[in-house]
Amino acid sequence: MAFRKGLQQLATLTEELDRQALTEFCTVRGFTPLDQLEPRRRVSTGGEVKSVRIVPRAGAAALEVTIGDGHGIATAVFLGRRKIAGLAPGKRIAMSGMVARDGKRLLIYNPEYSFVA
């Protein structure tokens, strides 16, 4: 029982350290924190890709890329695309575009993007 609790604490510490490292990475590059994005504003932000999925929108496929920066999450939507070479969970990207809101989700449609090392 003590071993399991210790292992759980270690996992929590590792996740917290990863979150802090990602937050620092985004801050150093001058990205706008994702929890501070406002709809109808142009923004330059970035973070780490959390998930990539294809979603049908109005009869055409759209690639939805969810990114996180340690502060929050946002979704980049690439209309008419099924994939982007090199884009996968764990990759870090910078992007800029206009922010929109869909319910509680923050979306950035067809953002300009670049991979960041």
PDB file of N, CA and C in Angstrom:
ATOM      1  N   MET A   1       0.819  -1.185   0.000  1.00  0.00           N
ATOM      2  CA  MET A   1       0.000   0.000   0.000  1.00  0.00           C
ATOM      3  C   MET A   1       0.871   1.260   0.000  1.00  0.00           C
ATOM      4  N   ALA A   2       1.910   1.288   0.806  1.00  0.00           N
ATOM      5  CA  ALA A   2       2.802   2.439   0.861  1.00  0.00           C
ATOM      6  C   ALA A   2       3.554   2.611  -0.460  1.00  0.00           C
ATOM      7  N   PHE A   3       3.918   1.496  -1.075  1.00  0.00           N
ATOM      8  CA  PHE A   3       4.618   1.541  -2.356  1.00  0.00           C
ATOM      9  C   PHE A   3       3.737   2.183  -3.424  1.00  0.00           C
ATOM     10  N   ARG A   4       2.472   1.783  -3.454  1.00  0.00           N
ATOM     11  CA  ARG A   4       1.524   2.319  -4.441  1.00  0.00           C
ATOM     12  C   ARG A   4       1.334   3.825  -4.235  1.00  0.00           C
ATOM     13  N   LYS A   5       1.220   4.252  -2.965  1.00  0.00           N
ATOM     14  CA  LYS A   5       1.059   5.674  -2.664  1.00  0.00           C
ATOM     15  C   LYS A   5       2.313   6.456  -3.075  1.00  0.00           C
ATOM     16  N   GLY A   6       3.492   5.900  -2.801  1.00  0.00           N
ATOM     17  CA  GLY A   6       4.741   6.540  -3.195  1.00  0.00           C
ATOM     18  C   GLY A   6       4.865   6.654  -4.697  1.00  0.00           C
ATOM     19  N   LEU A   7       4.466   5.608  -5.412  1.00  0.00           N
ATOM     20  CA  LEU A   7       4.493   5.613  -6.874  1.00  0.00           C
ATOM     21  C   LEU A   7       3.534   6.656  -7.428  1.00  0.00           C
ATOM     22  N   GLN A   8       2.367   6.783  -6.816  1.00  0.00           N
ATOM     23  CA  GLN A   8       1.380   7.767  -7.249  1.00  0.00           C
ATOM     24  C   GLN A   8       1.912   9.192  -7.026  1.00  0.00           C
ATOM     25  N   GLN A   9       2.576   9.427  -5.895  1.00  0.00           N
ATOM     26  CA  GLN A   9       3.163  10.743  -5.624  1.00  0.00           C
ATOM     27  C   GLN A   9       4.271  11.063  -6.621  1.00  0.00           C
ATOM     28  N   LEU A  10       5.072  10.064  -6.954  1.00  0.00           N
ATOM     29  CA  LEU A  10       6.141  10.259  -7.923  1.00  0.00           C
ATOM     30  C   LEU A  10       5.573  10.637  -9.287  1.00  0.00           C
ATOM     31  N   ALA A  11       4.496   9.965  -9.697  1.00  0.00           N
ATOM     32  CA  ALA A  11       3.853  10.272 -10.978  1.00  0.00           C
ATOM     33  C   ALA A  11       3.298  11.690 -10.963  1.00  0.00           C
ATOM     34  N   THR A  12       2.710  12.101  -9.856  1.00  0.00           N
ATOM     35  CA  THR A  12       2.171  13.455  -9.737  1.00  0.00           C
ATOM     36  C   THR A  12       3.288  14.483  -9.822  1.00  0.00           C
ATOM     37  N   LEU A  13       4.387  14.216  -9.149  1.00  0.00           N
ATOM     38  CA  LEU A  13       5.520  15.130  -9.195  1.00  0.00           C
ATOM     39  C   LEU A  13       6.070  15.255 -10.612  1.00  0.00           C
ATOM     40  N   THR A  14       6.165  14.152 -11.320  1.00  0.00           N
ATOM     41  CA  THR A  14       6.678  14.160 -12.689  1.00  0.00           C
ATOM     42  C   THR A  14       5.761  14.983 -13.599  1.00  0.00           C
ATOM     43  N   GLU A  15       4.451  14.801 -13.472  1.00  0.00           N
ATOM     44  CA  GLU A  15       3.501  15.572 -14.280  1.00  0.00           C
ATOM     45  C   GLU A  15       3.615  17.061 -13.976  1.00  0.00           C
ATOM     46  N   GLU A  16       3.771  17.403 -12.717  1.00  0.00           N
ATOM     47  CA  GLU A  16       3.909  18.809 -12.329  1.00  0.00           C
ATOM     48  C   GLU A  16       5.209  19.397 -12.881  1.00  0.00           C
ATOM     49  N   LEU A  17       6.297  18.643 -12.823  1.00  0.00           N
ATOM     50  CA  LEU A  17       7.567  19.110 -13.373  1.00  0.00           C
ATOM     51  C   LEU A  17       7.476  19.305 -14.885  1.00  0.00           C
ATOM     52  N   ASP A  18       6.803  18.382 -15.576  1.00  0.00           N
ATOM     53  CA  ASP A  18       6.599  18.516 -17.021  1.00  0.00           C
ATOM     54  C   ASP A  18       5.779  19.761 -17.345  1.00  0.00           C
ATOM     55  N   ARG A  19       4.733  20.016 -16.559  1.00  0.00           N
ATOM     56  CA  ARG A  19       3.887  21.189 -16.769  1.00  0.00           C
ATOM     57  C   ARG A  19       4.691  22.473 -16.562  1.00  0.00           C
ATOM     58  N   GLN A  20       5.512  22.504 -15.519  1.00  0.00           N
ATOM     59  CA  GLN A  20       6.337  23.682 -15.255  1.00  0.00           C
ATOM     60  C   GLN A  20       7.358  23.918 -16.365  1.00  0.00           C
ATOM     61  N   ALA A  21       7.958  22.848 -16.858  1.00  0.00           N
ATOM     62  CA  ALA A  21       8.938  22.979 -17.948  1.00  0.00           C
ATOM     63  C   ALA A  21       8.267  23.509 -19.211  1.00  0.00           C
ATOM     64  N   LEU A  22       7.064  23.030 -19.512  1.00  0.00           N
ATOM     65  CA  LEU A  22       6.329  23.495 -20.689  1.00  0.00           C
ATOM     66  C   LEU A  22       5.940  24.959 -20.528  1.00  0.00           C
ATOM     67  N   THR A  23       5.496  25.343 -19.350  1.00  0.00           N
ATOM     68  CA  THR A  23       5.139  26.733 -19.078  1.00  0.00           C
ATOM     69  C   THR A  23       6.346  27.643 -19.269  1.00  0.00           C
ATOM     70  N   GLU A  24       7.489  27.234 -18.757  1.00  0.00           N
ATOM     71  CA  GLU A  24       8.713  28.028 -18.909  1.00  0.00           C
ATOM     72  C   GLU A  24       9.110  28.132 -20.380  1.00  0.00           C
ATOM     73  N   PHE A  25       9.021  27.026 -21.122  1.00  0.00           N
ATOM     74  CA  PHE A  25       9.337  26.994 -22.545  1.00  0.00           C
ATOM     75  C   PHE A  25       8.493  28.029 -23.297  1.00  0.00           C
ATOM     76  N   CYS A  26       7.195  28.070 -23.015  1.00  0.00           N
ATOM     77  CA  CYS A  26       6.290  28.985 -23.698  1.00  0.00           C
ATOM     78  C   CYS A  26       6.526  30.437 -23.280  1.00  0.00           C
ATOM     79  N   THR A  27       6.828  30.663 -22.013  1.00  0.00           N
ATOM     80  CA  THR A  27       7.079  32.009 -21.509  1.00  0.00           C
ATOM     81  C   THR A  27       8.346  32.596 -22.120  1.00  0.00           C
ATOM     82  N   VAL A  28       9.402  31.792 -22.198  1.00  0.00           N
ATOM     83  CA  VAL A  28      10.675  32.256 -22.762  1.00  0.00           C
ATOM     84  C   VAL A  28      10.503  32.684 -24.214  1.00  0.00           C
ATOM     85  N   ARG A  29       9.649  32.010 -24.961  1.00  0.00           N
ATOM     86  CA  ARG A  29       9.433  32.340 -26.367  1.00  0.00           C
ATOM     87  C   ARG A  29       8.428  33.471 -26.575  1.00  0.00           C
ATOM     88  N   GLY A  30       7.851  33.970 -25.504  1.00  0.00           N
ATOM     89  CA  GLY A  30       6.926  35.097 -25.605  1.00  0.00           C
ATOM     90  C   GLY A  30       5.541  34.741 -26.094  1.00  0.00           C
ATOM     91  N   PHE A  31       5.148  33.475 -25.982  1.00  0.00           N
ATOM     92  CA  PHE A  31       3.813  33.059 -26.400  1.00  0.00           C
ATOM     93  C   PHE A  31       2.768  33.627 -25.437  1.00  0.00           C
ATOM     94  N   THR A  32       1.631  34.033 -25.971  1.00  0.00           N
ATOM     95  CA  THR A  32       0.516  34.442 -25.131  1.00  0.00           C
ATOM     96  C   THR A  32      -0.023  33.199 -24.436  1.00  0.00           C
ATOM     97  N   PRO A  33      -0.166  33.223 -23.099  1.00  0.00           N
ATOM     98  CA  PRO A  33      -0.703  32.048 -22.394  1.00  0.00           C
ATOM     99  C   PRO A  33      -2.101  31.695 -22.902  1.00  0.00           C
ATOM    100  N   LEU A  34      -2.369  30.425 -23.071  1.00  0.00           N
ATOM    101  CA  LEU A  34      -3.629  29.980 -23.645  1.00  0.00           C
ATOM    102  C   LEU A  34      -4.828  30.318 -22.769  1.00  0.00           C
ATOM    103  N   ASP A  35      -4.631  30.458 -21.469  1.00  0.00           N
ATOM    104  CA  ASP A  35      -5.759  30.826 -20.613  1.00  0.00           C
ATOM    105  C   ASP A  35      -6.072  32.318 -20.682  1.00  0.00           C
ATOM    106  N   GLN A  36      -5.290  33.086 -21.437  1.00  0.00           N
ATOM    107  CA  GLN A  36      -5.522  34.526 -21.589  1.00  0.00           C
ATOM    108  C   GLN A  36      -6.015  34.897 -22.994  1.00  0.00           C
ATOM    109  N   LEU A  37      -6.295  33.900 -23.829  1.00  0.00           N
ATOM    110  CA  LEU A  37      -6.777  34.178 -25.178  1.00  0.00           C
ATOM    111  C   LEU A  37      -8.184  34.751 -25.125  1.00  0.00           C
ATOM    112  N   GLU A  38      -8.445  35.726 -25.989  1.00  0.00           N
ATOM    113  CA  GLU A  38      -9.757  36.343 -26.070  1.00  0.00           C
ATOM    114  C   GLU A  38     -10.310  36.163 -27.481  1.00  0.00           C
ATOM    115  N   PRO A  39     -11.590  35.792 -27.593  1.00  0.00           N
ATOM    116  CA  PRO A  39     -12.203  35.661 -28.909  1.00  0.00           C
ATOM    117  C   PRO A  39     -12.127  36.967 -29.689  1.00  0.00           C
ATOM    118  N   ARG A  40     -12.032  36.831 -30.999  1.00  0.00           N
ATOM    119  CA  ARG A  40     -11.981  37.961 -31.942  1.00  0.00           C
ATOM    120  C   ARG A  40     -10.723  38.804 -31.798  1.00  0.00           C
ATOM    121  N   ARG A  41      -9.664  38.175 -31.361  1.00  0.00           N
ATOM    122  CA  ARG A  41      -8.363  38.848 -31.251  1.00  0.00           C
ATOM    123  C   ARG A  41      -7.328  38.022 -31.990  1.00  0.00           C
ATOM    124  N   ARG A  42      -6.423  38.697 -32.686  1.00  0.00           N
ATOM    125  CA  ARG A  42      -5.306  38.013 -33.340  1.00  0.00           C
ATOM    126  C   ARG A  42      -4.267  37.731 -32.268  1.00  0.00           C
ATOM    127  N   VAL A  43      -3.686  36.542 -32.292  1.00  0.00           N
ATOM    128  CA  VAL A  43      -2.782  36.128 -31.227  1.00  0.00           C
ATOM    129  C   VAL A  43      -1.597  35.349 -31.795  1.00  0.00           C
ATOM    130  N   SER A  44      -0.465  35.448 -31.116  1.00  0.00           N
ATOM    131  CA  SER A  44       0.704  34.606 -31.393  1.00  0.00           C
ATOM    132  C   SER A  44       0.930  33.779 -30.138  1.00  0.00           C
ATOM    133  N   THR A  45       0.789  32.491 -30.272  1.00  0.00           N
ATOM    134  CA  THR A  45       0.885  31.604 -29.120  1.00  0.00           C
ATOM    135  C   THR A  45       1.519  30.294 -29.543  1.00  0.00           C
ATOM    136  N   GLY A  46       1.551  29.360 -28.659  1.00  0.00           N
ATOM    137  CA  GLY A  46       2.122  28.061 -28.978  1.00  0.00           C
ATOM    138  C   GLY A  46       2.076  27.145 -27.786  1.00  0.00           C
ATOM    139  N   GLY A  47       2.617  25.964 -27.973  1.00  0.00           N
ATOM    140  CA  GLY A  47       2.625  24.972 -26.910  1.00  0.00           C
ATOM    141  C   GLY A  47       2.954  23.608 -27.455  1.00  0.00           C
ATOM    142  N   GLU A  48       2.546  22.612 -26.700  1.00  0.00           N
ATOM    143  CA  GLU A  48       2.812  21.220 -27.059  1.00  0.00           C
ATOM    144  C   GLU A  48       1.535  20.573 -27.562  1.00  0.00           C
ATOM    145  N   VAL A  49       1.643  19.822 -28.652  1.00  0.00           N
ATOM    146  CA  VAL A  49       0.486  19.138 -29.218  1.00  0.00           C
ATOM    147  C   VAL A  49       0.051  18.031 -28.264  1.00  0.00           C
ATOM    148  N   LYS A  50      -1.221  18.075 -27.864  1.00  0.00           N
ATOM    149  CA  LYS A  50      -1.774  17.068 -26.962  1.00  0.00           C
ATOM    150  C   LYS A  50      -2.511  15.982 -27.740  1.00  0.00           C
ATOM    151  N   SER A  51      -3.227  16.380 -28.797  1.00  0.00           N
ATOM    152  CA  SER A  51      -3.945  15.398 -29.605  1.00  0.00           C
ATOM    153  C   SER A  51      -4.159  15.935 -31.012  1.00  0.00           C
ATOM    154  N   VAL A  52      -4.321  15.006 -31.935  1.00  0.00           N
ATOM    155  CA  VAL A  52      -4.591  15.320 -33.340  1.00  0.00           C
ATOM    156  C   VAL A  52      -5.727  14.410 -33.775  1.00  0.00           C
ATOM    157  N   ARG A  53      -6.768  14.995 -34.366  1.00  0.00           N
ATOM    158  CA  ARG A  53      -7.888  14.165 -34.833  1.00  0.00           C
ATOM    159  C   ARG A  53      -8.534  14.787 -36.059  1.00  0.00           C
ATOM    160  N   ILE A  54      -9.167  13.937 -36.849  1.00  0.00           N
ATOM    161  CA  ILE A  54      -9.876  14.378 -38.047  1.00  0.00           C
ATOM    162  C   ILE A  54     -11.358  14.434 -37.698  1.00  0.00           C
ATOM    163  N   VAL A  55     -11.982  15.575 -37.986  1.00  0.00           N
ATOM    164  CA  VAL A  55     -13.387  15.783 -37.646  1.00  0.00           C
ATOM    165  C   VAL A  55     -14.119  16.270 -38.885  1.00  0.00           C
ATOM    166  N   PRO A  56     -15.255  15.657 -39.230  1.00  0.00           N
ATOM    167  CA  PRO A  56     -16.020  16.166 -40.369  1.00  0.00           C
ATOM    168  C   PRO A  56     -16.697  17.487 -40.016  1.00  0.00           C
ATOM    169  N   ARG A  57     -16.539  18.482 -40.868  1.00  0.00           N
ATOM    170  CA  ARG A  57     -17.171  19.794 -40.675  1.00  0.00           C
ATOM    171  C   ARG A  57     -17.824  20.200 -41.994  1.00  0.00           C
ATOM    172  N   ALA A  58     -19.108  20.335 -41.985  1.00  0.00           N
ATOM    173  CA  ALA A  58     -19.864  20.771 -43.169  1.00  0.00           C
ATOM    174  C   ALA A  58     -19.543  19.925 -44.394  1.00  0.00           C
ATOM    175  N   GLY A  59     -19.425  18.625 -44.200  1.00  0.00           N
ATOM    176  CA  GLY A  59     -19.196  17.715 -45.309  1.00  0.00           C
ATOM    177  C   GLY A  59     -17.755  17.543 -45.732  1.00  0.00           C
ATOM    178  N   ALA A  60     -16.834  18.293 -45.144  1.00  0.00           N
ATOM    179  CA  ALA A  60     -15.415  18.171 -45.479  1.00  0.00           C
ATOM    180  C   ALA A  60     -14.627  17.884 -44.206  1.00  0.00           C
ATOM    181  N   ALA A  61     -13.534  17.194 -44.358  1.00  0.00           N
ATOM    182  CA  ALA A  61     -12.706  16.863 -43.197  1.00  0.00           C
ATOM    183  C   ALA A  61     -11.961  18.099 -42.704  1.00  0.00           C
ATOM    184  N   ALA A  62     -11.736  18.130 -41.406  1.00  0.00           N
ATOM    185  CA  ALA A  62     -10.928  19.188 -40.800  1.00  0.00           C
ATOM    186  C   ALA A  62     -10.003  18.521 -39.788  1.00  0.00           C
ATOM    187  N   LEU A  63      -8.790  18.986 -39.715  1.00  0.00           N
ATOM    188  CA  LEU A  63      -7.819  18.466 -38.763  1.00  0.00           C
ATOM    189  C   LEU A  63      -7.866  19.345 -37.521  1.00  0.00           C
ATOM    190  N   GLU A  64      -8.161  18.744 -36.365  1.00  0.00           N
ATOM    191  CA  GLU A  64      -8.182  19.475 -35.106  1.00  0.00           C
ATOM    192  C   GLU A  64      -6.959  19.091 -34.298  1.00  0.00           C
ATOM    193  N   VAL A  65      -6.174  20.094 -33.924  1.00  0.00           N
ATOM    194  CA  VAL A  65      -4.943  19.888 -33.167  1.00  0.00           C
ATOM    195  C   VAL A  65      -5.097  20.620 -31.833  1.00  0.00           C
ATOM    196  N   THR A  66      -5.141  19.857 -30.755  1.00  0.00           N
ATOM    197  CA  THR A  66      -5.267  20.447 -29.425  1.00  0.00           C
ATOM    198  C   THR A  66      -3.874  20.668 -28.860  1.00  0.00           C
ATOM    199  N   ILE A  67      -3.621  21.904 -28.406  1.00  0.00           N
ATOM    200  CA  ILE A  67      -2.320  22.224 -27.820  1.00  0.00           C
ATOM    201  C   ILE A  67      -2.507  22.707 -26.387  1.00  0.00           C
ATOM    202  N   GLY A  68      -1.482  22.481 -25.588  1.00  0.00           N
ATOM    203  CA  GLY A  68      -1.474  22.946 -24.211  1.00  0.00           C
ATOM    204  C   GLY A  68      -0.161  23.659 -23.932  1.00  0.00           C
ATOM    205  N   ASP A  69      -0.208  24.595 -22.984  1.00  0.00           N
ATOM    206  CA  ASP A  69       1.014  25.321 -22.627  1.00  0.00           C
ATOM    207  C   ASP A  69       1.286  25.313 -21.128  1.00  0.00           C
ATOM    208  N   GLY A  70       0.582  24.482 -20.390  1.00  0.00           N
ATOM    209  CA  GLY A  70       0.746  24.445 -18.944  1.00  0.00           C
ATOM    210  C   GLY A  70      -0.227  25.367 -18.233  1.00  0.00           C
ATOM    211  N   HIS A  71      -0.795  26.328 -18.962  1.00  0.00           N
ATOM    212  CA  HIS A  71      -1.792  27.245 -18.403  1.00  0.00           C
ATOM    213  C   HIS A  71      -3.193  26.837 -18.828  1.00  0.00           C
ATOM    214  N   GLY A  72      -3.333  26.392 -20.061  1.00  0.00           N
ATOM    215  CA  GLY A  72      -4.637  26.063 -20.603  1.00  0.00           C
ATOM    216  C   GLY A  72      -4.493  25.298 -21.901  1.00  0.00           C
ATOM    217  N   ILE A  73      -5.620  25.134 -22.613  1.00  0.00           N
ATOM    218  CA  ILE A  73      -5.597  24.444 -23.897  1.00  0.00           C
ATOM    219  C   ILE A  73      -6.378  25.248 -24.925  1.00  0.00           C
ATOM    220  N   ALA A  74      -6.043  25.035 -26.189  1.00  0.00           N
ATOM    221  CA  ALA A  74      -6.752  25.630 -27.323  1.00  0.00           C
ATOM    222  C   ALA A  74      -6.677  24.627 -28.468  1.00  0.00           C
ATOM    223  N   THR A  75      -7.548  24.808 -29.440  1.00  0.00           N
ATOM    224  CA  THR A  75      -7.591  23.891 -30.576  1.00  0.00           C
ATOM    225  C   THR A  75      -7.372  24.654 -31.870  1.00  0.00           C
ATOM    226  N   ALA A  76      -6.390  24.218 -32.632  1.00  0.00           N
ATOM    227  CA  ALA A  76      -6.158  24.753 -33.971  1.00  0.00           C
ATOM    228  C   ALA A  76      -6.954  23.897 -34.942  1.00  0.00           C
ATOM    229  N   VAL A  77      -7.734  24.524 -35.806  1.00  0.00           N
ATOM    230  CA  VAL A  77      -8.568  23.810 -36.763  1.00  0.00           C
ATOM    231  C   VAL A  77      -8.072  24.133 -38.167  1.00  0.00           C
ATOM    232  N   PHE A  78      -7.631  23.106 -38.869  1.00  0.00           N
ATOM    233  CA  PHE A  78      -7.151  23.251 -40.241  1.00  0.00           C
ATOM    234  C   PHE A  78      -8.235  22.697 -41.160  1.00  0.00           C
ATOM    235  N   LEU A  79      -9.012  23.580 -41.758  1.00  0.00           N
ATOM    236  CA  LEU A  79     -10.130  23.173 -42.606  1.00  0.00           C
ATOM    237  C   LEU A  79      -9.623  22.556 -43.908  1.00  0.00           C
ATOM    238  N   GLY A  80     -10.274  21.463 -44.319  1.00  0.00           N
ATOM    239  CA  GLY A  80      -9.935  20.800 -45.570  1.00  0.00           C
ATOM    240  C   GLY A  80      -8.646  19.993 -45.529  1.00  0.00           C
ATOM    241  N   ARG A  81      -8.091  19.764 -44.355  1.00  0.00           N
ATOM    242  CA  ARG A  81      -6.839  19.002 -44.234  1.00  0.00           C
ATOM    243  C   ARG A  81      -7.095  17.723 -43.468  1.00  0.00           C
ATOM    244  N   ARG A  82      -6.376  16.674 -43.847  1.00  0.00           N
ATOM    245  CA  ARG A  82      -6.462  15.405 -43.136  1.00  0.00           C
ATOM    246  C   ARG A  82      -5.204  15.120 -42.337  1.00  0.00           C
ATOM    247  N   LYS A  83      -4.101  15.748 -42.727  1.00  0.00           N
ATOM    248  CA  LYS A  83      -2.852  15.565 -41.984  1.00  0.00           C
ATOM    249  C   LYS A  83      -1.895  16.696 -42.314  1.00  0.00           C
ATOM    250  N   ILE A  84      -0.929  16.866 -41.419  1.00  0.00           N
ATOM    251  CA  ILE A  84       0.166  17.807 -41.621  1.00  0.00           C
ATOM    252  C   ILE A  84       1.427  17.033 -41.293  1.00  0.00           C
ATOM    253  N   ALA A  85       2.330  16.958 -42.234  1.00  0.00           N
ATOM    254  CA  ALA A  85       3.562  16.188 -42.046  1.00  0.00           C
ATOM    255  C   ALA A  85       4.318  16.665 -40.810  1.00  0.00           C
ATOM    256  N   GLY A  86       4.676  15.724 -39.960  1.00  0.00           N
ATOM    257  CA  GLY A  86       5.467  16.021 -38.771  1.00  0.00           C
ATOM    258  C   GLY A  86       4.665  16.436 -37.557  1.00  0.00           C
ATOM    259  N   LEU A  87       3.375  16.649 -37.713  1.00  0.00           N
ATOM    260  CA  LEU A  87       2.539  17.086 -36.601  1.00  0.00           C
ATOM    261  C   LEU A  87       2.003  15.867 -35.856  1.00  0.00           C
ATOM    262  N   ALA A  88       2.407  15.721 -34.592  1.00  0.00           N
ATOM    263  CA  ALA A  88       2.012  14.575 -33.782  1.00  0.00           C
ATOM    264  C   ALA A  88       2.039  14.982 -32.308  1.00  0.00           C
ATOM    265  N   PRO A  89       1.335  14.244 -31.461  1.00  0.00           N
ATOM    266  CA  PRO A  89       1.376  14.549 -30.029  1.00  0.00           C
ATOM    267  C   PRO A  89       2.813  14.580 -29.511  1.00  0.00           C
ATOM    268  N   GLY A  90       3.083  15.584 -28.667  1.00  0.00           N
ATOM    269  CA  GLY A  90       4.415  15.751 -28.108  1.00  0.00           C
ATOM    270  C   GLY A  90       5.252  16.790 -28.837  1.00  0.00           C
ATOM    271  N   LYS A  91       4.895  17.126 -30.072  1.00  0.00           N
ATOM    272  CA  LYS A  91       5.631  18.153 -30.826  1.00  0.00           C
ATOM    273  C   LYS A  91       5.268  19.527 -30.285  1.00  0.00           C
ATOM    274  N   ARG A  92       6.213  20.447 -30.369  1.00  0.00           N
ATOM    275  CA  ARG A  92       5.967  21.811 -29.927  1.00  0.00           C
ATOM    276  C   ARG A  92       5.853  22.713 -31.149  1.00  0.00           C
ATOM    277  N   ILE A  93       4.812  23.563 -31.131  1.00  0.00           N
ATOM    278  CA  ILE A  93       4.569  24.435 -32.270  1.00  0.00           C
ATOM    279  C   ILE A  93       4.293  25.866 -31.810  1.00  0.00           C
ATOM    280  N   ALA A  94       4.583  26.800 -32.697  1.00  0.00           N
ATOM    281  CA  ALA A  94       4.198  28.203 -32.535  1.00  0.00           C
ATOM    282  C   ALA A  94       3.129  28.453 -33.585  1.00  0.00           C
ATOM    283  N   MET A  95       2.135  29.258 -33.255  1.00  0.00           N
ATOM    284  CA  MET A  95       1.097  29.548 -34.231  1.00  0.00           C
ATOM    285  C   MET A  95       0.516  30.929 -33.983  1.00  0.00           C
ATOM    286  N   SER A  96      -0.044  31.487 -35.045  1.00  0.00           N
ATOM    287  CA  SER A  96      -0.703  32.782 -34.921  1.00  0.00           C
ATOM    288  C   SER A  96      -1.952  32.783 -35.780  1.00  0.00           C
ATOM    289  N   GLY A  97      -2.960  33.462 -35.295  1.00  0.00           N
ATOM    290  CA  GLY A  97      -4.222  33.526 -36.011  1.00  0.00           C
ATOM    291  C   GLY A  97      -5.285  34.188 -35.167  1.00  0.00           C
ATOM    292  N   MET A  98      -6.514  34.161 -35.672  1.00  0.00           N
ATOM    293  CA  MET A  98      -7.650  34.784 -35.008  1.00  0.00           C
ATOM    294  C   MET A  98      -8.323  33.755 -34.097  1.00  0.00           C
ATOM    295  N   VAL A  99      -8.610  34.166 -32.875  1.00  0.00           N
ATOM    296  CA  VAL A  99      -9.223  33.274 -31.889  1.00  0.00           C
ATOM    297  C   VAL A  99     -10.740  33.352 -32.013  1.00  0.00           C
ATOM    298  N   ALA A 100     -11.390  32.196 -31.928  1.00  0.00           N
ATOM    299  CA  ALA A 100     -12.854  32.106 -31.918  1.00  0.00           C
ATOM    300  C   ALA A 100     -13.265  31.227 -30.732  1.00  0.00           C
ATOM    301  N   ARG A 101     -14.508  31.339 -30.334  1.00  0.00           N
ATOM    302  CA  ARG A 101     -15.006  30.518 -29.239  1.00  0.00           C
ATOM    303  C   ARG A 101     -16.134  29.635 -29.769  1.00  0.00           C
ATOM    304  N   ASP A 102     -16.112  28.360 -29.389  1.00  0.00           N
ATOM    305  CA  ASP A 102     -17.167  27.408 -29.724  1.00  0.00           C
ATOM    306  C   ASP A 102     -17.590  26.781 -28.408  1.00  0.00           C
ATOM    307  N   GLY A 103     -18.622  27.339 -27.799  1.00  0.00           N
ATOM    308  CA  GLY A 103     -19.001  26.890 -26.455  1.00  0.00           C
ATOM    309  C   GLY A 103     -17.915  27.311 -25.478  1.00  0.00           C
ATOM    310  N   LYS A 104     -17.309  26.340 -24.823  1.00  0.00           N
ATOM    311  CA  LYS A 104     -16.222  26.634 -23.884  1.00  0.00           C
ATOM    312  C   LYS A 104     -14.848  26.504 -24.528  1.00  0.00           C
ATOM    313  N   ARG A 105     -14.802  25.964 -25.760  1.00  0.00           N
ATOM    314  CA  ARG A 105     -13.509  25.741 -26.427  1.00  0.00           C
ATOM    315  C   ARG A 105     -13.034  26.992 -27.149  1.00  0.00           C
ATOM    316  N   LEU A 106     -11.708  27.210 -27.095  1.00  0.00           N
ATOM    317  CA  LEU A 106     -11.075  28.274 -27.864  1.00  0.00           C
ATOM    318  C   LEU A 106     -10.501  27.654 -29.130  1.00  0.00           C
ATOM    319  N   LEU A 107     -10.845  28.213 -30.269  1.00  0.00           N
ATOM    320  CA  LEU A 107     -10.411  27.692 -31.561  1.00  0.00           C
ATOM    321  C   LEU A 107      -9.616  28.740 -32.313  1.00  0.00           C
ATOM    322  N   ILE A 108      -8.643  28.275 -33.077  1.00  0.00           N
ATOM    323  CA  ILE A 108      -7.912  29.144 -33.985  1.00  0.00           C
ATOM    324  C   ILE A 108      -7.989  28.461 -35.351  1.00  0.00           C
ATOM    325  N   TYR A 109      -8.753  29.073 -36.272  1.00  0.00           N
ATOM    326  CA  TYR A 109      -8.963  28.477 -37.586  1.00  0.00           C
ATOM    327  C   TYR A 109      -7.799  28.781 -38.521  1.00  0.00           C
ATOM    328  N   ASN A 110      -7.305  27.758 -39.189  1.00  0.00           N
ATOM    329  CA  ASN A 110      -6.240  27.860 -40.183  1.00  0.00           C
ATOM    330  C   ASN A 110      -5.091  28.783 -39.752  1.00  0.00           C
ATOM    331  N   PRO A 111      -4.505  28.518 -38.590  1.00  0.00           N
ATOM    332  CA  PRO A 111      -3.419  29.394 -38.137  1.00  0.00           C
ATOM    333  C   PRO A 111      -2.151  29.199 -38.942  1.00  0.00           C
ATOM    334  N   GLU A 112      -1.317  30.236 -38.960  1.00  0.00           N
ATOM    335  CA  GLU A 112       0.044  30.069 -39.463  1.00  0.00           C
ATOM    336  C   GLU A 112       0.771  29.319 -38.362  1.00  0.00           C
ATOM    337  N   TYR A 113       1.619  28.386 -38.720  1.00  0.00           N
ATOM    338  CA  TYR A 113       2.292  27.591 -37.692  1.00  0.00           C
ATOM    339  C   TYR A 113       3.729  27.294 -38.089  1.00  0.00           C
ATOM    340  N   SER A 114       4.532  26.985 -37.086  1.00  0.00           N
ATOM    341  CA  SER A 114       5.890  26.514 -37.313  1.00  0.00           C
ATOM    342  C   SER A 114       6.261  25.620 -36.155  1.00  0.00           C
ATOM    343  N   PHE A 115       7.118  24.660 -36.441  1.00  0.00           N
ATOM    344  CA  PHE A 115       7.588  23.754 -35.397  1.00  0.00           C
ATOM    345  C   PHE A 115       8.701  24.434 -34.615  1.00  0.00           C
ATOM    346  N   VAL A 116       8.701  24.251 -33.315  1.00  0.00           N
ATOM    347  CA  VAL A 116       9.676  24.875 -32.428  1.00  0.00           C
ATOM    348  C   VAL A 116      10.436  23.781 -31.692  1.00  0.00           C
ATOM    349  N   ALA A 117      11.761  23.938 -31.648  1.00  0.00           N
ATOM    350  CA  ALA A 117      12.572  22.933 -30.948  1.00  0.00           C
ATOM    351  C   ALA A 117      12.896  23.376 -29.543  1.00  0.00           C
TER     352      ALA A 117
END
